[in-house]
Amino acid sequence: MLKIGITGGIGTGKSFVSKIFKSMGVPFYDADKEAKDIMTNSDIVRRGLMDAFGSETYCEDGALNRKWLADKVFKDPEKLQVLNGIVHPVVIQNAVDWAEKQRGAYSLKEAALLYESGSYQSLDYTILVEAPLELRIERVIKRDQVSEEEVLDRMSRQMSEEEKKGYADFIVVNDEITPLLPQVLAIHHKLLGK
């Protein structure tokens, strides 16, 4: 079974494109959702995060103190690297274990930091979803109820689209002009060997 990764910068619509593949019966792994679950439920990750960032990392009810942790790490590249060093290896292994249990021609792993985390190296092919910058900004402002400045700040901390293109085997243009379904079906058929 082929292992395929799908990624894209914030606001490109990678989750929407992933849903199209998922609707065709492709086994689907959401790395960002799984990472949140692992950060809450993995004893090893919980201990690592508390050792690195303190007991405030988790609320009294045991839930991850997301806002507090985000405020602590996203403006400090060294702390973000520590966080990623604790969480990414566990999520990458979890995805590998999951993929081994799947059946079909291929499985799909969606991850925002597919290239940055190095997890693309365990995959056969990757798909990059891209969209024009203005549209991406508009989508994130609408979705997250944040300012343009906040969106641009988030984007500045991500790998550039040009750099991501250098890793991608397939590109899906999600510009609300180019039809998505034919692009997805073309990739699907290539992966099925048709």
N, C-alpha and C. Protein backbone atom coordinates (compact mmCIF):
# COMPACT_ATOMS: atom_id res chain seq x y z
N MET A 1 0.83 -1.19 0.00
CA MET A 1 0.00 0.00 0.00
C MET A 1 0.87 1.24 0.00
N LEU A 2 0.58 2.17 -0.91
CA LEU A 2 1.32 3.43 -0.95
C LEU A 2 0.89 4.33 0.20
N LYS A 3 1.86 5.08 0.72
CA LYS A 3 1.57 6.05 1.78
C LYS A 3 1.76 7.44 1.18
N ILE A 4 0.67 8.22 1.20
CA ILE A 4 0.65 9.53 0.58
C ILE A 4 0.44 10.60 1.65
N GLY A 5 1.18 11.71 1.53
CA GLY A 5 0.99 12.84 2.43
C GLY A 5 0.34 13.98 1.69
N ILE A 6 -0.47 14.75 2.41
CA ILE A 6 -1.08 15.96 1.83
C ILE A 6 -0.87 17.10 2.80
N THR A 7 -0.45 18.24 2.27
CA THR A 7 -0.16 19.39 3.10
C THR A 7 -0.43 20.67 2.32
N GLY A 8 -0.24 21.78 2.98
CA GLY A 8 -0.41 23.09 2.38
C GLY A 8 -0.35 24.12 3.48
N GLY A 9 -0.01 25.32 3.13
CA GLY A 9 0.06 26.38 4.13
C GLY A 9 -1.31 26.71 4.69
N ILE A 10 -1.32 27.50 5.74
CA ILE A 10 -2.57 27.89 6.38
C ILE A 10 -3.48 28.58 5.35
N GLY A 11 -4.74 28.15 5.31
CA GLY A 11 -5.72 28.77 4.42
C GLY A 11 -5.73 28.26 3.00
N THR A 12 -4.93 27.24 2.70
CA THR A 12 -4.94 26.72 1.32
C THR A 12 -6.12 25.80 1.06
N GLY A 13 -6.72 25.26 2.12
CA GLY A 13 -7.85 24.35 1.94
C GLY A 13 -7.46 22.90 1.87
N LYS A 14 -6.32 22.54 2.50
CA LYS A 14 -5.85 21.14 2.44
C LYS A 14 -6.86 20.19 3.08
N SER A 15 -7.54 20.63 4.14
CA SER A 15 -8.53 19.76 4.79
C SER A 15 -9.71 19.51 3.87
N PHE A 16 -10.12 20.52 3.13
CA PHE A 16 -11.23 20.34 2.19
C PHE A 16 -10.85 19.36 1.10
N VAL A 17 -9.65 19.50 0.55
CA VAL A 17 -9.18 18.59 -0.49
C VAL A 17 -9.06 17.18 0.07
N SER A 18 -8.57 17.06 1.31
CA SER A 18 -8.47 15.74 1.95
C SER A 18 -9.83 15.07 2.05
N LYS A 19 -10.87 15.86 2.35
CA LYS A 19 -12.22 15.30 2.48
C LYS A 19 -12.70 14.69 1.15
N ILE A 20 -12.25 15.25 0.03
CA ILE A 20 -12.63 14.68 -1.27
C ILE A 20 -12.02 13.28 -1.41
N PHE A 21 -10.73 13.16 -1.08
CA PHE A 21 -10.10 11.83 -1.11
C PHE A 21 -10.80 10.87 -0.15
N LYS A 22 -11.08 11.36 1.05
CA LYS A 22 -11.73 10.53 2.07
C LYS A 22 -13.10 10.06 1.59
N SER A 23 -13.83 10.94 0.89
CA SER A 23 -15.17 10.57 0.39
C SER A 23 -15.11 9.47 -0.67
N MET A 24 -13.92 9.27 -1.25
CA MET A 24 -13.74 8.21 -2.25
C MET A 24 -13.29 6.91 -1.59
N GLY A 25 -13.29 6.88 -0.25
CA GLY A 25 -12.94 5.66 0.47
C GLY A 25 -11.47 5.50 0.78
N VAL A 26 -10.68 6.54 0.56
CA VAL A 26 -9.25 6.46 0.86
C VAL A 26 -9.05 6.53 2.37
N PRO A 27 -8.34 5.56 2.98
CA PRO A 27 -8.06 5.63 4.42
C PRO A 27 -7.33 6.94 4.74
N PHE A 28 -7.78 7.63 5.79
CA PHE A 28 -7.34 9.00 6.05
C PHE A 28 -6.85 9.16 7.49
N TYR A 29 -5.68 9.77 7.64
CA TYR A 29 -5.07 10.05 8.94
C TYR A 29 -4.88 11.56 9.06
N ASP A 30 -5.47 12.17 10.08
CA ASP A 30 -5.35 13.61 10.32
C ASP A 30 -4.29 13.82 11.40
N ALA A 31 -3.07 14.15 10.98
CA ALA A 31 -1.95 14.25 11.93
C ALA A 31 -2.16 15.35 12.96
N ASP A 32 -2.76 16.47 12.56
CA ASP A 32 -2.96 17.56 13.51
C ASP A 32 -3.97 17.17 14.59
N LYS A 33 -5.04 16.49 14.18
CA LYS A 33 -6.04 16.02 15.15
C LYS A 33 -5.42 14.96 16.08
N GLU A 34 -4.66 14.04 15.50
CA GLU A 34 -4.01 12.99 16.30
C GLU A 34 -2.99 13.59 17.26
N ALA A 35 -2.27 14.63 16.82
CA ALA A 35 -1.29 15.29 17.70
C ALA A 35 -1.97 15.87 18.93
N LYS A 36 -3.13 16.49 18.73
CA LYS A 36 -3.88 17.05 19.87
C LYS A 36 -4.28 15.95 20.84
N ASP A 37 -4.73 14.82 20.29
CA ASP A 37 -5.12 13.68 21.12
C ASP A 37 -3.92 13.11 21.88
N ILE A 38 -2.81 12.98 21.19
CA ILE A 38 -1.59 12.44 21.80
C ILE A 38 -1.08 13.37 22.90
N MET A 39 -1.15 14.68 22.67
CA MET A 39 -0.69 15.64 23.67
C MET A 39 -1.54 15.58 24.94
N THR A 40 -2.76 15.14 24.80
CA THR A 40 -3.65 15.02 25.96
C THR A 40 -3.54 13.65 26.62
N ASN A 41 -3.38 12.58 25.81
CA ASN A 41 -3.52 11.23 26.34
C ASN A 41 -2.24 10.40 26.46
N SER A 42 -1.15 10.82 25.84
CA SER A 42 0.09 10.05 25.94
C SER A 42 0.86 10.44 27.19
N ASP A 43 1.09 9.48 28.08
CA ASP A 43 1.84 9.76 29.32
C ASP A 43 3.24 10.25 29.03
N ILE A 44 3.89 9.67 28.02
CA ILE A 44 5.26 10.07 27.67
C ILE A 44 5.28 11.53 27.21
N VAL A 45 4.35 11.90 26.35
CA VAL A 45 4.30 13.27 25.84
C VAL A 45 3.91 14.23 26.96
N ARG A 46 2.95 13.86 27.78
CA ARG A 46 2.54 14.73 28.91
C ARG A 46 3.73 15.01 29.82
N ARG A 47 4.46 13.95 30.17
CA ARG A 47 5.62 14.14 31.04
C ARG A 47 6.67 15.04 30.38
N GLY A 48 6.91 14.78 29.11
CA GLY A 48 7.90 15.58 28.37
C GLY A 48 7.51 17.05 28.31
N LEU A 49 6.24 17.34 28.07
CA LEU A 49 5.79 18.72 28.00
C LEU A 49 5.84 19.40 29.36
N MET A 50 5.46 18.68 30.41
CA MET A 50 5.51 19.28 31.75
C MET A 50 6.95 19.51 32.20
N ASP A 51 7.85 18.58 31.86
CA ASP A 51 9.26 18.77 32.19
C ASP A 51 9.83 19.99 31.47
N ALA A 52 9.41 20.18 30.23
CA ALA A 52 9.95 21.27 29.41
C ALA A 52 9.31 22.63 29.72
N PHE A 53 7.99 22.63 29.99
CA PHE A 53 7.28 23.90 30.10
C PHE A 53 6.60 24.15 31.45
N GLY A 54 6.60 23.16 32.32
CA GLY A 54 6.01 23.35 33.64
C GLY A 54 4.61 22.78 33.75
N SER A 55 4.12 22.75 34.99
CA SER A 55 2.82 22.13 35.28
C SER A 55 1.65 22.91 34.69
N GLU A 56 1.86 24.17 34.34
CA GLU A 56 0.78 24.97 33.74
C GLU A 56 0.42 24.50 32.33
N THR A 57 1.21 23.58 31.78
CA THR A 57 0.95 23.05 30.45
C THR A 57 -0.42 22.36 30.39
N TYR A 58 -0.84 21.84 31.53
CA TYR A 58 -2.14 21.16 31.60
C TYR A 58 -3.03 21.84 32.64
N CYS A 59 -4.33 21.88 32.35
CA CYS A 59 -5.32 22.45 33.28
C CYS A 59 -5.56 21.46 34.41
N GLU A 60 -6.27 21.92 35.42
CA GLU A 60 -6.57 21.05 36.58
C GLU A 60 -7.35 19.81 36.18
N ASP A 61 -8.19 19.92 35.14
CA ASP A 61 -8.99 18.77 34.71
C ASP A 61 -8.20 17.81 33.80
N GLY A 62 -6.90 18.11 33.57
CA GLY A 62 -6.06 17.25 32.76
C GLY A 62 -5.99 17.62 31.29
N ALA A 63 -6.83 18.58 30.88
CA ALA A 63 -6.82 19.02 29.48
C ALA A 63 -5.57 19.85 29.20
N LEU A 64 -5.11 19.78 27.97
CA LEU A 64 -3.96 20.58 27.55
C LEU A 64 -4.36 22.06 27.60
N ASN A 65 -3.50 22.87 28.18
CA ASN A 65 -3.73 24.31 28.26
C ASN A 65 -3.22 24.92 26.95
N ARG A 66 -3.98 24.73 25.89
CA ARG A 66 -3.56 25.08 24.54
C ARG A 66 -3.16 26.55 24.37
N LYS A 67 -4.03 27.44 24.81
CA LYS A 67 -3.77 28.87 24.64
C LYS A 67 -2.48 29.27 25.35
N TRP A 68 -2.32 28.80 26.57
CA TRP A 68 -1.12 29.13 27.36
C TRP A 68 0.13 28.60 26.67
N LEU A 69 0.06 27.35 26.21
CA LEU A 69 1.21 26.72 25.56
C LEU A 69 1.53 27.43 24.23
N ALA A 70 0.49 27.74 23.47
CA ALA A 70 0.69 28.43 22.19
C ALA A 70 1.35 29.79 22.41
N ASP A 71 0.86 30.52 23.40
CA ASP A 71 1.45 31.84 23.70
C ASP A 71 2.92 31.70 24.09
N LYS A 72 3.24 30.61 24.75
CA LYS A 72 4.61 30.37 25.23
C LYS A 72 5.57 29.99 24.10
N VAL A 73 5.11 29.19 23.14
CA VAL A 73 6.04 28.64 22.14
C VAL A 73 6.04 29.34 20.78
N PHE A 74 4.91 29.90 20.35
CA PHE A 74 4.85 30.36 18.96
C PHE A 74 5.61 31.65 18.69
N LYS A 75 6.00 32.35 19.73
CA LYS A 75 6.82 33.55 19.51
C LYS A 75 8.28 33.29 19.87
N ASP A 76 8.60 32.05 20.22
CA ASP A 76 9.96 31.68 20.60
C ASP A 76 10.38 30.43 19.83
N PRO A 77 11.15 30.59 18.76
CA PRO A 77 11.53 29.46 17.91
C PRO A 77 12.21 28.32 18.68
N GLU A 78 13.00 28.63 19.70
CA GLU A 78 13.67 27.57 20.47
C GLU A 78 12.67 26.73 21.24
N LYS A 79 11.68 27.39 21.86
CA LYS A 79 10.65 26.66 22.62
C LYS A 79 9.76 25.86 21.67
N LEU A 80 9.49 26.42 20.50
CA LEU A 80 8.69 25.69 19.51
C LEU A 80 9.43 24.43 19.06
N GLN A 81 10.73 24.55 18.90
CA GLN A 81 11.55 23.40 18.52
C GLN A 81 11.52 22.32 19.61
N VAL A 82 11.53 22.75 20.87
CA VAL A 82 11.44 21.80 21.99
C VAL A 82 10.09 21.08 21.94
N LEU A 83 9.01 21.85 21.77
CA LEU A 83 7.66 21.27 21.68
C LEU A 83 7.59 20.25 20.54
N ASN A 84 8.05 20.66 19.36
CA ASN A 84 8.01 19.77 18.20
C ASN A 84 8.87 18.53 18.41
N GLY A 85 9.99 18.68 19.10
CA GLY A 85 10.88 17.55 19.39
C GLY A 85 10.24 16.52 20.30
N ILE A 86 9.31 16.96 21.13
CA ILE A 86 8.60 16.05 22.03
C ILE A 86 7.42 15.38 21.31
N VAL A 87 6.66 16.18 20.55
CA VAL A 87 5.41 15.70 19.96
C VAL A 87 5.59 15.00 18.61
N HIS A 88 6.38 15.58 17.71
CA HIS A 88 6.47 15.05 16.35
C HIS A 88 6.90 13.59 16.26
N PRO A 89 7.96 13.15 16.97
CA PRO A 89 8.35 11.74 16.83
C PRO A 89 7.23 10.76 17.21
N VAL A 90 6.45 11.11 18.22
CA VAL A 90 5.36 10.23 18.67
C VAL A 90 4.25 10.20 17.62
N VAL A 91 3.92 11.36 17.06
CA VAL A 91 2.86 11.43 16.04
C VAL A 91 3.31 10.71 14.77
N ILE A 92 4.56 10.90 14.37
CA ILE A 92 5.08 10.24 13.16
C ILE A 92 5.01 8.72 13.32
N GLN A 93 5.41 8.21 14.48
CA GLN A 93 5.35 6.76 14.72
C GLN A 93 3.90 6.27 14.75
N ASN A 94 3.02 7.06 15.35
CA ASN A 94 1.60 6.72 15.40
C ASN A 94 1.03 6.60 13.99
N ALA A 95 1.43 7.52 13.10
CA ALA A 95 0.96 7.49 11.70
C ALA A 95 1.50 6.27 10.96
N VAL A 96 2.76 5.94 11.21
CA VAL A 96 3.36 4.75 10.57
C VAL A 96 2.61 3.50 11.02
N ASP A 97 2.35 3.38 12.33
CA ASP A 97 1.62 2.22 12.87
C ASP A 97 0.22 2.15 12.26
N TRP A 98 -0.45 3.30 12.17
CA TRP A 98 -1.80 3.36 11.58
C TRP A 98 -1.77 2.90 10.13
N ALA A 99 -0.81 3.42 9.34
CA ALA A 99 -0.74 3.11 7.91
C ALA A 99 -0.54 1.62 7.67
N GLU A 100 0.21 0.96 8.54
CA GLU A 100 0.47 -0.48 8.38
C GLU A 100 -0.79 -1.32 8.53
N LYS A 101 -1.80 -0.79 9.19
CA LYS A 101 -3.04 -1.53 9.43
C LYS A 101 -4.09 -1.29 8.34
N GLN A 102 -3.82 -0.34 7.43
CA GLN A 102 -4.82 0.01 6.42
C GLN A 102 -4.78 -0.93 5.23
N ARG A 103 -5.88 -0.99 4.51
CA ARG A 103 -5.98 -1.80 3.30
C ARG A 103 -6.47 -0.93 2.16
N GLY A 104 -5.99 -1.22 0.96
CA GLY A 104 -6.38 -0.45 -0.22
C GLY A 104 -5.14 -0.12 -1.03
N ALA A 105 -5.30 0.63 -2.09
CA ALA A 105 -4.17 0.99 -2.95
C ALA A 105 -3.24 1.98 -2.27
N TYR A 106 -3.86 2.92 -1.51
CA TYR A 106 -3.04 3.90 -0.80
C TYR A 106 -3.81 4.50 0.37
N SER A 107 -3.05 5.06 1.32
CA SER A 107 -3.64 5.80 2.43
C SER A 107 -3.14 7.23 2.37
N LEU A 108 -3.88 8.12 3.00
CA LEU A 108 -3.57 9.54 2.95
C LEU A 108 -3.35 10.09 4.36
N LYS A 109 -2.25 10.79 4.54
CA LYS A 109 -1.94 11.44 5.82
C LYS A 109 -1.92 12.95 5.60
N GLU A 110 -2.82 13.65 6.28
CA GLU A 110 -2.83 15.12 6.20
C GLU A 110 -2.04 15.67 7.38
N ALA A 111 -1.09 16.57 7.08
CA ALA A 111 -0.30 17.20 8.13
C ALA A 111 0.12 18.60 7.70
N ALA A 112 -0.11 19.57 8.56
CA ALA A 112 0.27 20.95 8.26
C ALA A 112 1.79 21.07 8.13
N LEU A 113 2.53 20.32 8.96
CA LEU A 113 3.99 20.41 8.98
C LEU A 113 4.64 19.16 8.39
N LEU A 114 4.11 18.68 7.31
CA LEU A 114 4.57 17.44 6.69
C LEU A 114 6.06 17.51 6.33
N TYR A 115 6.46 18.61 5.71
CA TYR A 115 7.86 18.76 5.30
C TYR A 115 8.73 19.22 6.48
N GLU A 116 8.21 20.17 7.26
CA GLU A 116 8.97 20.72 8.38
C GLU A 116 9.31 19.66 9.42
N SER A 117 8.40 18.72 9.65
CA SER A 117 8.61 17.69 10.68
C SER A 117 9.51 16.55 10.19
N GLY A 118 9.70 16.48 8.87
CA GLY A 118 10.47 15.38 8.29
C GLY A 118 9.64 14.13 8.05
N SER A 119 8.36 14.17 8.39
CA SER A 119 7.54 12.96 8.26
C SER A 119 7.29 12.58 6.81
N TYR A 120 7.51 13.51 5.88
CA TYR A 120 7.36 13.18 4.46
C TYR A 120 8.33 12.08 4.03
N GLN A 121 9.42 11.92 4.78
CA GLN A 121 10.44 10.94 4.41
C GLN A 121 9.94 9.49 4.52
N SER A 122 8.88 9.28 5.31
CA SER A 122 8.34 7.92 5.45
C SER A 122 7.20 7.66 4.46
N LEU A 123 6.98 8.60 3.54
CA LEU A 123 5.88 8.50 2.58
C LEU A 123 6.39 8.22 1.18
N ASP A 124 5.51 7.69 0.34
CA ASP A 124 5.88 7.41 -1.04
C ASP A 124 5.74 8.64 -1.94
N TYR A 125 4.69 9.42 -1.72
CA TYR A 125 4.45 10.63 -2.50
C TYR A 125 3.80 11.68 -1.61
N THR A 126 3.92 12.96 -2.02
CA THR A 126 3.23 14.02 -1.29
C THR A 126 2.45 14.90 -2.25
N ILE A 127 1.36 15.45 -1.72
CA ILE A 127 0.48 16.36 -2.46
C ILE A 127 0.52 17.70 -1.74
N LEU A 128 0.74 18.76 -2.49
CA LEU A 128 0.71 20.12 -1.93
C LEU A 128 -0.52 20.83 -2.45
N VAL A 129 -1.32 21.37 -1.53
CA VAL A 129 -2.47 22.19 -1.90
C VAL A 129 -2.02 23.64 -1.81
N GLU A 130 -2.25 24.38 -2.88
CA GLU A 130 -1.86 25.80 -2.86
C GLU A 130 -3.02 26.68 -3.29
N ALA A 131 -2.94 27.94 -2.85
CA ALA A 131 -3.96 28.94 -3.17
C ALA A 131 -3.30 30.32 -3.15
N PRO A 132 -3.90 31.30 -3.84
CA PRO A 132 -3.33 32.65 -3.83
C PRO A 132 -3.32 33.23 -2.41
N LEU A 133 -2.31 34.01 -2.12
CA LEU A 133 -2.11 34.57 -0.78
C LEU A 133 -3.33 35.34 -0.28
N GLU A 134 -3.90 36.19 -1.12
CA GLU A 134 -5.05 37.02 -0.70
C GLU A 134 -6.23 36.14 -0.28
N LEU A 135 -6.46 35.08 -1.04
CA LEU A 135 -7.55 34.15 -0.74
C LEU A 135 -7.28 33.40 0.56
N ARG A 136 -6.04 32.98 0.76
CA ARG A 136 -5.66 32.30 2.01
C ARG A 136 -5.91 33.19 3.21
N ILE A 137 -5.49 34.44 3.11
CA ILE A 137 -5.68 35.39 4.22
C ILE A 137 -7.17 35.56 4.51
N GLU A 138 -7.96 35.75 3.46
CA GLU A 138 -9.42 35.92 3.60
C GLU A 138 -10.04 34.70 4.29
N ARG A 139 -9.64 33.50 3.86
CA ARG A 139 -10.20 32.27 4.45
C ARG A 139 -9.89 32.17 5.94
N VAL A 140 -8.65 32.45 6.33
CA VAL A 140 -8.25 32.30 7.73
C VAL A 140 -8.91 33.35 8.60
N ILE A 141 -9.02 34.59 8.11
CA ILE A 141 -9.70 35.64 8.87
C ILE A 141 -11.14 35.21 9.16
N LYS A 142 -11.80 34.69 8.12
CA LYS A 142 -13.20 34.27 8.25
C LYS A 142 -13.33 33.06 9.19
N ARG A 143 -12.44 32.07 9.02
CA ARG A 143 -12.51 30.83 9.80
C ARG A 143 -12.16 31.04 11.27
N ASP A 144 -11.07 31.78 11.53
CA ASP A 144 -10.54 31.89 12.89
C ASP A 144 -10.91 33.19 13.59
N GLN A 145 -11.60 34.09 12.89
CA GLN A 145 -11.97 35.39 13.47
C GLN A 145 -10.74 36.12 14.03
N VAL A 146 -9.71 36.23 13.19
CA VAL A 146 -8.47 36.91 13.57
C VAL A 146 -8.19 38.03 12.59
N SER A 147 -7.23 38.88 12.94
CA SER A 147 -6.86 40.00 12.07
C SER A 147 -5.93 39.54 10.96
N GLU A 148 -5.82 40.37 9.93
CA GLU A 148 -4.90 40.08 8.83
C GLU A 148 -3.47 40.00 9.36
N GLU A 149 -3.15 40.87 10.31
CA GLU A 149 -1.81 40.88 10.91
C GLU A 149 -1.50 39.53 11.58
N GLU A 150 -2.48 38.98 12.30
CA GLU A 150 -2.28 37.68 12.96
C GLU A 150 -2.08 36.56 11.93
N VAL A 151 -2.84 36.61 10.84
CA VAL A 151 -2.71 35.60 9.78
C VAL A 151 -1.31 35.68 9.17
N LEU A 152 -0.87 36.89 8.84
CA LEU A 152 0.45 37.07 8.24
C LEU A 152 1.56 36.63 9.19
N ASP A 153 1.34 36.85 10.50
CA ASP A 153 2.32 36.40 11.49
C ASP A 153 2.42 34.88 11.50
N ARG A 154 1.27 34.21 11.45
CA ARG A 154 1.27 32.74 11.39
C ARG A 154 1.97 32.25 10.13
N MET A 155 1.63 32.88 9.01
CA MET A 155 2.22 32.47 7.73
C MET A 155 3.73 32.65 7.73
N SER A 156 4.20 33.69 8.40
CA SER A 156 5.64 33.97 8.41
C SER A 156 6.43 32.89 9.13
N ARG A 157 5.75 32.11 9.95
CA ARG A 157 6.42 31.03 10.69
C ARG A 157 6.34 29.69 9.97
N GLN A 158 5.70 29.67 8.80
CA GLN A 158 5.59 28.43 8.03
C GLN A 158 6.61 28.44 6.89
N MET A 159 6.96 27.25 6.44
CA MET A 159 7.83 27.11 5.27
C MET A 159 7.14 27.79 4.08
N SER A 160 7.90 28.45 3.23
CA SER A 160 7.31 29.15 2.09
C SER A 160 6.71 28.15 1.09
N GLU A 161 5.74 28.65 0.34
CA GLU A 161 5.09 27.81 -0.68
C GLU A 161 6.11 27.36 -1.72
N GLU A 162 7.03 28.24 -2.09
CA GLU A 162 8.04 27.89 -3.08
C GLU A 162 8.91 26.74 -2.59
N GLU A 163 9.28 26.79 -1.32
CA GLU A 163 10.10 25.73 -0.75
C GLU A 163 9.33 24.41 -0.72
N LYS A 164 8.05 24.48 -0.35
CA LYS A 164 7.22 23.27 -0.31
C LYS A 164 7.08 22.63 -1.69
N LYS A 165 6.99 23.48 -2.72
CA LYS A 165 6.85 22.96 -4.09
C LYS A 165 8.03 22.06 -4.46
N GLY A 166 9.19 22.35 -3.90
CA GLY A 166 10.38 21.55 -4.18
C GLY A 166 10.27 20.12 -3.66
N TYR A 167 9.42 19.90 -2.68
CA TYR A 167 9.22 18.57 -2.10
C TYR A 167 8.04 17.82 -2.73
N ALA A 168 7.08 18.57 -3.27
CA ALA A 168 5.79 17.98 -3.70
C ALA A 168 5.90 17.15 -4.97
N ASP A 169 5.19 16.02 -4.97
CA ASP A 169 5.07 15.19 -6.16
C ASP A 169 3.86 15.60 -7.00
N PHE A 170 2.82 16.09 -6.32
CA PHE A 170 1.59 16.54 -6.98
C PHE A 170 1.19 17.87 -6.36
N ILE A 171 0.58 18.72 -7.17
CA ILE A 171 0.08 20.01 -6.68
C ILE A 171 -1.39 20.14 -7.05
N VAL A 172 -2.20 20.54 -6.07
CA VAL A 172 -3.62 20.81 -6.29
C VAL A 172 -3.81 22.32 -6.10
N VAL A 173 -4.37 22.97 -7.10
CA VAL A 173 -4.63 24.41 -7.04
C VAL A 173 -6.05 24.61 -6.52
N ASN A 174 -6.16 25.26 -5.36
CA ASN A 174 -7.45 25.50 -4.73
C ASN A 174 -7.72 27.00 -4.70
N ASP A 175 -7.95 27.56 -5.90
CA ASP A 175 -8.10 29.01 -6.04
C ASP A 175 -9.55 29.45 -6.25
N GLU A 176 -10.49 28.53 -6.10
CA GLU A 176 -11.93 28.78 -6.28
C GLU A 176 -12.27 29.12 -7.74
N ILE A 177 -11.32 28.88 -8.64
CA ILE A 177 -11.55 29.05 -10.09
C ILE A 177 -11.30 27.72 -10.78
N THR A 178 -10.14 27.12 -10.52
CA THR A 178 -9.77 25.84 -11.10
C THR A 178 -10.57 24.73 -10.43
N PRO A 179 -11.33 23.92 -11.18
CA PRO A 179 -12.13 22.85 -10.55
C PRO A 179 -11.24 21.87 -9.77
N LEU A 180 -11.65 21.56 -8.55
CA LEU A 180 -10.88 20.66 -7.68
C LEU A 180 -11.03 19.19 -8.06
N LEU A 181 -12.26 18.77 -8.32
CA LEU A 181 -12.52 17.35 -8.53
C LEU A 181 -11.68 16.74 -9.64
N PRO A 182 -11.54 17.36 -10.81
CA PRO A 182 -10.69 16.76 -11.84
C PRO A 182 -9.23 16.62 -11.40
N GLN A 183 -8.74 17.58 -10.63
CA GLN A 183 -7.36 17.51 -10.13
C GLN A 183 -7.19 16.33 -9.18
N VAL A 184 -8.14 16.19 -8.26
CA VAL A 184 -8.08 15.10 -7.28
C VAL A 184 -8.21 13.75 -7.98
N LEU A 185 -9.16 13.65 -8.91
CA LEU A 185 -9.36 12.38 -9.63
C LEU A 185 -8.13 11.99 -10.45
N ALA A 186 -7.45 12.99 -11.04
CA ALA A 186 -6.24 12.69 -11.82
C ALA A 186 -5.15 12.09 -10.92
N ILE A 187 -4.98 12.67 -9.73
CA ILE A 187 -4.00 12.13 -8.78
C ILE A 187 -4.43 10.75 -8.30
N HIS A 188 -5.70 10.61 -7.97
CA HIS A 188 -6.27 9.34 -7.51
C HIS A 188 -5.98 8.22 -8.52
N HIS A 189 -6.25 8.51 -9.80
CA HIS A 189 -6.04 7.49 -10.84
C HIS A 189 -4.56 7.16 -11.02
N LYS A 190 -3.70 8.15 -10.90
CA LYS A 190 -2.25 7.87 -10.99
C LYS A 190 -1.82 6.97 -9.85
N LEU A 191 -2.34 7.25 -8.65
CA LEU A 191 -1.97 6.44 -7.48
C LEU A 191 -2.53 5.02 -7.55
N LEU A 192 -3.65 4.87 -8.24
CA LEU A 192 -4.23 3.54 -8.44
C LEU A 192 -3.54 2.80 -9.59
N GLY A 193 -2.69 3.52 -10.33
CA GLY A 193 -1.97 2.92 -11.45
C GLY A 193 -2.82 2.79 -12.70
N LYS A 194 -3.86 3.63 -12.81
CA LYS A 194 -4.78 3.55 -13.97
C LYS A 194 -4.39 4.57 -15.02
